Amino acid sequence: MAPRDTYRHGNLRHALIAAGVELAREGGPDAVVLREATRRVGVAPNAAYRHFADRRALLAAVSQAGLAELARTMERESTTSSPPRARLRALARGYLAFALVEPGLFRAAFATTGMADTDTEEATGAEGRTAYRLLTEVLDDLAASGVLPCEHRPDAEYFVWSTVHGMAVLLTTGPLRGLTRSQVEEAERRVMDAVERGLCP
């Protein structure tokens, strides 16, 4: 493909991020390379540096796009009209579903992010909330309903998030990656039972 420079201001950045997302889907964060992204978009390699200082900057943008897709997947699994306990399980199910369907993008989503990057506008889903915000809201609802004791509410996000994320890693790149669909569902149920016991004794 011959290099072209027909993108208006801002469009090239978006196109490069989209190319980076596809690279991440194919090979995880290590596959996100500026030169390959520009080749796929069809522009000269130097054109990327108008928008990204280096590969790490592109990967950071791809990470934000991955977090946004994670939030959208979690939103699709959960409905705000459901009881908080059911919503918590639905959010966990969405988190794991994203990791299993998009393992490369899932790994890229957490490749460069700091804590502050998990709650940005670029990381929001269709309803304008990030994955972290979705979790925070359901935990607040559990506390408000009296299901989650007030003394267990502070920083409960880290307990739930680390548990579900750890399971996602085990299922995608760890020793649980060979489980069948029914075994994954059973493991998910047991993990969330344990999470509920820890939160709401």
C-alpha atoms as a PDB file:
ATOM      1  CA  MET A   1       0.000   0.000   0.000  1.00  0.00           C
ATOM      2  CA  ALA A   2       1.460   3.349  -1.006  1.00  0.00           C
ATOM      3  CA  PRO A   3       1.786   5.883   1.823  1.00  0.00           C
ATOM      4  CA  ARG A   4      -0.819   8.613   1.765  1.00  0.00           C
ATOM      5  CA  ASP A   5      -1.328  11.757   3.775  1.00  0.00           C
ATOM      6  CA  THR A   6      -4.994  12.494   3.276  1.00  0.00           C
ATOM      7  CA  TYR A   7      -6.123  12.448   6.913  1.00  0.00           C
ATOM      8  CA  ARG A   8      -7.510  15.638   8.375  1.00  0.00           C
ATOM      9  CA  HIS A   9      -6.284  16.775  11.772  1.00  0.00           C
ATOM     10  CA  GLY A  10      -7.363  14.255  14.425  1.00  0.00           C
ATOM     11  CA  ASN A  11      -8.472  11.567  11.988  1.00  0.00           C
ATOM     12  CA  LEU A  12      -4.983  10.108  11.704  1.00  0.00           C
ATOM     13  CA  ARG A  13      -4.705   9.755  15.471  1.00  0.00           C
ATOM     14  CA  HIS A  14      -8.009   7.891  15.562  1.00  0.00           C
ATOM     15  CA  ALA A  15      -6.973   5.658  12.660  1.00  0.00           C
ATOM     16  CA  LEU A  16      -3.650   4.822  14.307  1.00  0.00           C
ATOM     17  CA  ILE A  17      -5.375   3.915  17.562  1.00  0.00           C
ATOM     18  CA  ALA A  18      -7.812   1.693  15.655  1.00  0.00           C
ATOM     19  CA  ALA A  19      -4.874  -0.004  13.931  1.00  0.00           C
ATOM     20  CA  GLY A  20      -3.167  -0.397  17.299  1.00  0.00           C
ATOM     21  CA  VAL A  21      -6.287  -2.018  18.736  1.00  0.00           C
ATOM     22  CA  GLU A  22      -6.307  -4.555  15.909  1.00  0.00           C
ATOM     23  CA  LEU A  23      -2.626  -5.271  16.487  1.00  0.00           C
ATOM     24  CA  ALA A  24      -3.324  -5.810  20.185  1.00  0.00           C
ATOM     25  CA  ARG A  25      -6.175  -8.166  19.342  1.00  0.00           C
ATOM     26  CA  GLU A  26      -3.825 -10.213  17.191  1.00  0.00           C
ATOM     27  CA  GLY A  27      -0.789 -10.315  19.438  1.00  0.00           C
ATOM     28  CA  GLY A  28      -1.287  -8.469  22.705  1.00  0.00           C
ATOM     29  CA  PRO A  29       0.627  -5.367  23.827  1.00  0.00           C
ATOM     30  CA  ASP A  30       3.947  -6.477  22.310  1.00  0.00           C
ATOM     31  CA  ALA A  31       2.362  -6.383  18.844  1.00  0.00           C
ATOM     32  CA  VAL A  32       1.461  -2.677  19.112  1.00  0.00           C
ATOM     33  CA  VAL A  33       4.231  -1.060  17.060  1.00  0.00           C
ATOM     34  CA  LEU A  34       4.107   2.409  15.474  1.00  0.00           C
ATOM     35  CA  ARG A  35       5.642   1.366  12.168  1.00  0.00           C
ATOM     36  CA  GLU A  36       3.151  -1.463  11.672  1.00  0.00           C
ATOM     37  CA  ALA A  37       0.242   0.794  12.649  1.00  0.00           C
ATOM     38  CA  THR A  38       1.268   3.382  10.051  1.00  0.00           C
ATOM     39  CA  ARG A  39       1.671   0.655   7.445  1.00  0.00           C
ATOM     40  CA  ARG A  40      -1.852  -0.568   8.079  1.00  0.00           C
ATOM     41  CA  VAL A  41      -3.264   2.933   7.954  1.00  0.00           C
ATOM     42  CA  GLY A  42      -1.294   3.691   4.791  1.00  0.00           C
ATOM     43  CA  VAL A  43       0.774   6.696   5.826  1.00  0.00           C
ATOM     44  CA  ALA A  44       4.508   7.325   6.066  1.00  0.00           C
ATOM     45  CA  PRO A  45       6.006   6.196   9.422  1.00  0.00           C
ATOM     46  CA  ASN A  46       7.011   9.747  10.340  1.00  0.00           C
ATOM     47  CA  ALA A  47       3.347  10.834  10.202  1.00  0.00           C
ATOM     48  CA  ALA A  48       2.654   8.966  13.441  1.00  0.00           C
ATOM     49  CA  TYR A  49       5.007  11.191  15.405  1.00  0.00           C
ATOM     50  CA  ARG A  50       2.662  14.153  14.948  1.00  0.00           C
ATOM     51  CA  HIS A  51       0.293  12.350  17.323  1.00  0.00           C
ATOM     52  CA  PHE A  52       2.406   9.910  19.353  1.00  0.00           C
ATOM     53  CA  ALA A  53       5.870  10.618  20.711  1.00  0.00           C
ATOM     54  CA  ASP A  54       6.788   6.941  20.668  1.00  0.00           C
ATOM     55  CA  ARG A  55       5.432   3.398  20.745  1.00  0.00           C
ATOM     56  CA  ARG A  56       4.603   3.652  24.437  1.00  0.00           C
ATOM     57  CA  ALA A  57       2.327   6.634  23.753  1.00  0.00           C
ATOM     58  CA  LEU A  58       0.417   4.655  21.127  1.00  0.00           C
ATOM     59  CA  LEU A  59       0.175   1.679  23.488  1.00  0.00           C
ATOM     60  CA  ALA A  60      -1.208   3.965  26.214  1.00  0.00           C
ATOM     61  CA  ALA A  61      -3.962   5.115  23.830  1.00  0.00           C
ATOM     62  CA  VAL A  62      -4.691   1.511  22.829  1.00  0.00           C
ATOM     63  CA  SER A  63      -4.857   0.646  26.521  1.00  0.00           C
ATOM     64  CA  GLN A  64      -7.535   3.289  27.046  1.00  0.00           C
ATOM     65  CA  ALA A  65      -9.487   1.949  24.066  1.00  0.00           C
ATOM     66  CA  GLY A  66      -9.240  -1.544  25.533  1.00  0.00           C
ATOM     67  CA  LEU A  67     -10.544  -0.345  28.894  1.00  0.00           C
ATOM     68  CA  ALA A  68     -13.471   1.325  27.113  1.00  0.00           C
ATOM     69  CA  GLU A  69     -14.311  -1.933  25.346  1.00  0.00           C
ATOM     70  CA  LEU A  70     -14.080  -3.746  28.682  1.00  0.00           C
ATOM     71  CA  ALA A  71     -16.579  -1.270  30.168  1.00  0.00           C
ATOM     72  CA  ARG A  72     -18.962  -1.777  27.228  1.00  0.00           C
ATOM     73  CA  THR A  73     -18.823  -5.545  27.664  1.00  0.00           C
ATOM     74  CA  MET A  74     -19.561  -5.217  31.374  1.00  0.00           C
ATOM     75  CA  GLU A  75     -22.449  -2.845  30.630  1.00  0.00           C
ATOM     76  CA  ARG A  76     -23.985  -5.354  28.223  1.00  0.00           C
ATOM     77  CA  GLU A  77     -23.968  -8.038  30.915  1.00  0.00           C
ATOM     78  CA  SER A  78     -25.494  -5.853  33.617  1.00  0.00           C
ATOM     79  CA  THR A  79     -28.752  -3.923  33.949  1.00  0.00           C
ATOM     80  CA  THR A  80     -29.207  -1.150  36.502  1.00  0.00           C
ATOM     81  CA  SER A  81     -32.657  -2.506  37.400  1.00  0.00           C
ATOM     82  CA  SER A  82     -31.192  -5.762  38.745  1.00  0.00           C
ATOM     83  CA  PRO A  83     -30.533  -6.192  42.487  1.00  0.00           C
ATOM     84  CA  PRO A  84     -26.975  -5.193  43.479  1.00  0.00           C
ATOM     85  CA  ARG A  85     -25.851  -8.785  44.143  1.00  0.00           C
ATOM     86  CA  ALA A  86     -26.955  -9.868  40.663  1.00  0.00           C
ATOM     87  CA  ARG A  87     -25.318  -6.809  39.106  1.00  0.00           C
ATOM     88  CA  LEU A  88     -22.023  -7.526  40.844  1.00  0.00           C
ATOM     89  CA  ARG A  89     -22.002 -11.035  39.404  1.00  0.00           C
ATOM     90  CA  ALA A  90     -23.009  -9.727  35.986  1.00  0.00           C
ATOM     91  CA  LEU A  91     -20.152  -7.228  35.984  1.00  0.00           C
ATOM     92  CA  ALA A  92     -17.701  -9.977  36.907  1.00  0.00           C
ATOM     93  CA  ARG A  93     -19.152 -12.160  34.151  1.00  0.00           C
ATOM     94  CA  GLY A  94     -18.661  -9.319  31.641  1.00  0.00           C
ATOM     95  CA  TYR A  95     -15.083  -8.786  32.812  1.00  0.00           C
ATOM     96  CA  LEU A  96     -14.238 -12.457  32.341  1.00  0.00           C
ATOM     97  CA  ALA A  97     -16.092 -12.648  29.027  1.00  0.00           C
ATOM     98  CA  PHE A  98     -14.037  -9.772  27.654  1.00  0.00           C
ATOM     99  CA  ALA A  99     -10.783 -11.411  28.773  1.00  0.00           C
ATOM    100  CA  LEU A 100     -11.748 -14.719  27.170  1.00  0.00           C
ATOM    101  CA  VAL A 101     -13.014 -13.283  23.874  1.00  0.00           C
ATOM    102  CA  GLU A 102     -10.341 -10.571  23.539  1.00  0.00           C
ATOM    103  CA  PRO A 103      -7.260 -11.921  25.350  1.00  0.00           C
ATOM    104  CA  GLY A 104      -4.779  -9.789  23.399  1.00  0.00           C
ATOM    105  CA  LEU A 105      -6.712  -6.554  23.880  1.00  0.00           C
ATOM    106  CA  PHE A 106      -7.352  -7.477  27.518  1.00  0.00           C
ATOM    107  CA  ARG A 107      -3.604  -7.733  28.158  1.00  0.00           C
ATOM    108  CA  ALA A 108      -3.006  -4.476  26.277  1.00  0.00           C
ATOM    109  CA  ALA A 109      -5.684  -2.722  28.324  1.00  0.00           C
ATOM    110  CA  PHE A 110      -3.557  -3.164  31.443  1.00  0.00           C
ATOM    111  CA  ALA A 111      -0.120  -2.890  29.840  1.00  0.00           C
ATOM    112  CA  THR A 112       0.602   0.769  30.609  1.00  0.00           C
ATOM    113  CA  THR A 113      -2.218   2.032  32.784  1.00  0.00           C
ATOM    114  CA  GLY A 114      -1.713   3.634  36.143  1.00  0.00           C
ATOM    115  CA  MET A 115      -4.603   3.819  38.594  1.00  0.00           C
ATOM    116  CA  ALA A 116      -5.587   7.271  37.334  1.00  0.00           C
ATOM    117  CA  ASP A 117      -5.899   5.918  33.788  1.00  0.00           C
ATOM    118  CA  THR A 118      -8.671   3.499  34.745  1.00  0.00           C
ATOM    119  CA  ASP A 119     -11.190   6.301  35.286  1.00  0.00           C
ATOM    120  CA  THR A 120     -10.737   8.636  32.310  1.00  0.00           C
ATOM    121  CA  GLU A 121     -13.158   9.771  29.606  1.00  0.00           C
ATOM    122  CA  GLU A 122     -11.269   7.687  27.024  1.00  0.00           C
ATOM    123  CA  ALA A 123     -11.879   4.554  29.100  1.00  0.00           C
ATOM    124  CA  THR A 124     -15.660   4.948  29.399  1.00  0.00           C
ATOM    125  CA  GLY A 125     -18.256   2.622  27.966  1.00  0.00           C
ATOM    126  CA  ALA A 126     -21.451   3.484  26.104  1.00  0.00           C
ATOM    127  CA  GLU A 127     -23.144   4.764  29.268  1.00  0.00           C
ATOM    128  CA  GLY A 128     -20.279   7.079  30.170  1.00  0.00           C
ATOM    129  CA  ARG A 129     -18.840   4.998  32.994  1.00  0.00           C
ATOM    130  CA  THR A 130     -15.550   3.165  33.239  1.00  0.00           C
ATOM    131  CA  ALA A 131     -15.191  -0.426  34.402  1.00  0.00           C
ATOM    132  CA  TYR A 132     -13.904   0.884  37.717  1.00  0.00           C
ATOM    133  CA  ARG A 133     -16.857   3.263  38.062  1.00  0.00           C
ATOM    134  CA  LEU A 134     -19.324   0.447  37.318  1.00  0.00           C
ATOM    135  CA  LEU A 135     -17.797  -1.573  40.142  1.00  0.00           C
ATOM    136  CA  THR A 136     -17.796   1.397  42.515  1.00  0.00           C
ATOM    137  CA  GLU A 137     -21.482   2.083  41.876  1.00  0.00           C
ATOM    138  CA  VAL A 138     -22.622  -1.469  42.524  1.00  0.00           C
ATOM    139  CA  LEU A 139     -20.593  -1.638  45.746  1.00  0.00           C
ATOM    140  CA  ASP A 140     -22.149   1.664  46.850  1.00  0.00           C
ATOM    141  CA  ASP A 141     -25.585   0.187  46.131  1.00  0.00           C
ATOM    142  CA  LEU A 142     -24.742  -2.936  48.143  1.00  0.00           C
ATOM    143  CA  ALA A 143     -23.732  -0.728  51.071  1.00  0.00           C
ATOM    144  CA  ALA A 144     -26.796   1.505  50.740  1.00  0.00           C
ATOM    145  CA  SER A 145     -29.097  -1.535  50.775  1.00  0.00           C
ATOM    146  CA  GLY A 146     -27.444  -2.841  53.945  1.00  0.00           C
ATOM    147  CA  VAL A 147     -26.151  -5.999  52.261  1.00  0.00           C
ATOM    148  CA  LEU A 148     -22.539  -4.825  52.465  1.00  0.00           C
ATOM    149  CA  PRO A 149     -21.598  -3.826  56.028  1.00  0.00           C
ATOM    150  CA  CYS A 150     -20.343  -0.249  56.171  1.00  0.00           C
ATOM    151  CA  GLU A 151     -17.042  -1.363  57.706  1.00  0.00           C
ATOM    152  CA  HIS A 152     -16.399  -3.550  54.641  1.00  0.00           C
ATOM    153  CA  ARG A 153     -17.102  -0.827  52.080  1.00  0.00           C
ATOM    154  CA  PRO A 154     -13.796   1.163  52.119  1.00  0.00           C
ATOM    155  CA  ASP A 155     -11.585   0.036  49.217  1.00  0.00           C
ATOM    156  CA  ALA A 156     -13.760  -3.018  48.523  1.00  0.00           C
ATOM    157  CA  GLU A 157     -13.110  -2.315  44.826  1.00  0.00           C
ATOM    158  CA  TYR A 158      -9.560  -3.610  45.187  1.00  0.00           C
ATOM    159  CA  PHE A 159     -10.699  -6.878  46.746  1.00  0.00           C
ATOM    160  CA  VAL A 160     -13.267  -7.608  44.025  1.00  0.00           C
ATOM    161  CA  TRP A 161     -11.147  -6.293  41.151  1.00  0.00           C
ATOM    162  CA  SER A 162      -8.005  -8.194  42.086  1.00  0.00           C
ATOM    163  CA  THR A 163      -9.959 -11.419  42.559  1.00  0.00           C
ATOM    164  CA  VAL A 164     -11.790 -11.230  39.232  1.00  0.00           C
ATOM    165  CA  HIS A 165      -8.731  -9.966  37.349  1.00  0.00           C
ATOM    166  CA  GLY A 166      -6.613 -12.754  38.804  1.00  0.00           C
ATOM    167  CA  MET A 167      -9.123 -15.307  37.587  1.00  0.00           C
ATOM    168  CA  ALA A 168      -9.142 -13.676  34.146  1.00  0.00           C
ATOM    169  CA  VAL A 169      -5.360 -13.993  33.920  1.00  0.00           C
ATOM    170  CA  LEU A 170      -5.473 -17.640  35.009  1.00  0.00           C
ATOM    171  CA  LEU A 171      -8.122 -18.364  32.372  1.00  0.00           C
ATOM    172  CA  THR A 172      -6.350 -16.607  29.516  1.00  0.00           C
ATOM    173  CA  THR A 173      -2.621 -17.104  30.052  1.00  0.00           C
ATOM    174  CA  GLY A 174      -2.383 -19.318  33.122  1.00  0.00           C
ATOM    175  CA  PRO A 175      -3.047 -22.919  34.105  1.00  0.00           C
ATOM    176  CA  LEU A 176      -6.842 -22.561  33.830  1.00  0.00           C
ATOM    177  CA  ARG A 177      -6.779 -21.678  30.126  1.00  0.00           C
ATOM    178  CA  GLY A 178      -7.739 -25.242  29.156  1.00  0.00           C
ATOM    179  CA  LEU A 179     -11.046 -25.270  31.039  1.00  0.00           C
ATOM    180  CA  THR A 180     -14.226 -26.010  29.111  1.00  0.00           C
ATOM    181  CA  ARG A 181     -17.036 -23.464  28.975  1.00  0.00           C
ATOM    182  CA  SER A 182     -19.011 -25.268  31.675  1.00  0.00           C
ATOM    183  CA  GLN A 183     -15.917 -25.502  33.871  1.00  0.00           C
ATOM    184  CA  VAL A 184     -15.296 -21.767  33.441  1.00  0.00           C
ATOM    185  CA  GLU A 185     -18.880 -21.028  34.468  1.00  0.00           C
ATOM    186  CA  GLU A 186     -18.554 -23.239  37.541  1.00  0.00           C
ATOM    187  CA  ALA A 187     -15.231 -21.665  38.506  1.00  0.00           C
ATOM    188  CA  GLU A 188     -16.737 -18.199  38.064  1.00  0.00           C
ATOM    189  CA  ARG A 189     -19.690 -19.124  40.281  1.00  0.00           C
ATOM    190  CA  ARG A 190     -17.421 -20.434  43.037  1.00  0.00           C
ATOM    191  CA  VAL A 191     -15.151 -17.404  42.918  1.00  0.00           C
ATOM    192  CA  MET A 192     -18.089 -15.001  43.123  1.00  0.00           C
ATOM    193  CA  ASP A 193     -19.599 -17.032  45.977  1.00  0.00           C
ATOM    194  CA  ALA A 194     -16.306 -16.526  47.819  1.00  0.00           C
ATOM    195  CA  VAL A 195     -16.283 -12.810  46.965  1.00  0.00           C
ATOM    196  CA  GLU A 196     -19.802 -12.407  48.345  1.00  0.00           C
ATOM    197  CA  ARG A 197     -18.888 -14.247  51.541  1.00  0.00           C
ATOM    198  CA  GLY A 198     -15.908 -11.934  51.966  1.00  0.00           C
ATOM    199  CA  LEU A 199     -17.948  -8.799  51.355  1.00  0.00           C
ATOM    200  CA  CYS A 200     -21.216  -9.715  52.987  1.00  0.00           C
ATOM    201  CA  PRO A 201     -20.659 -12.243  55.804  1.00  0.00           C
END
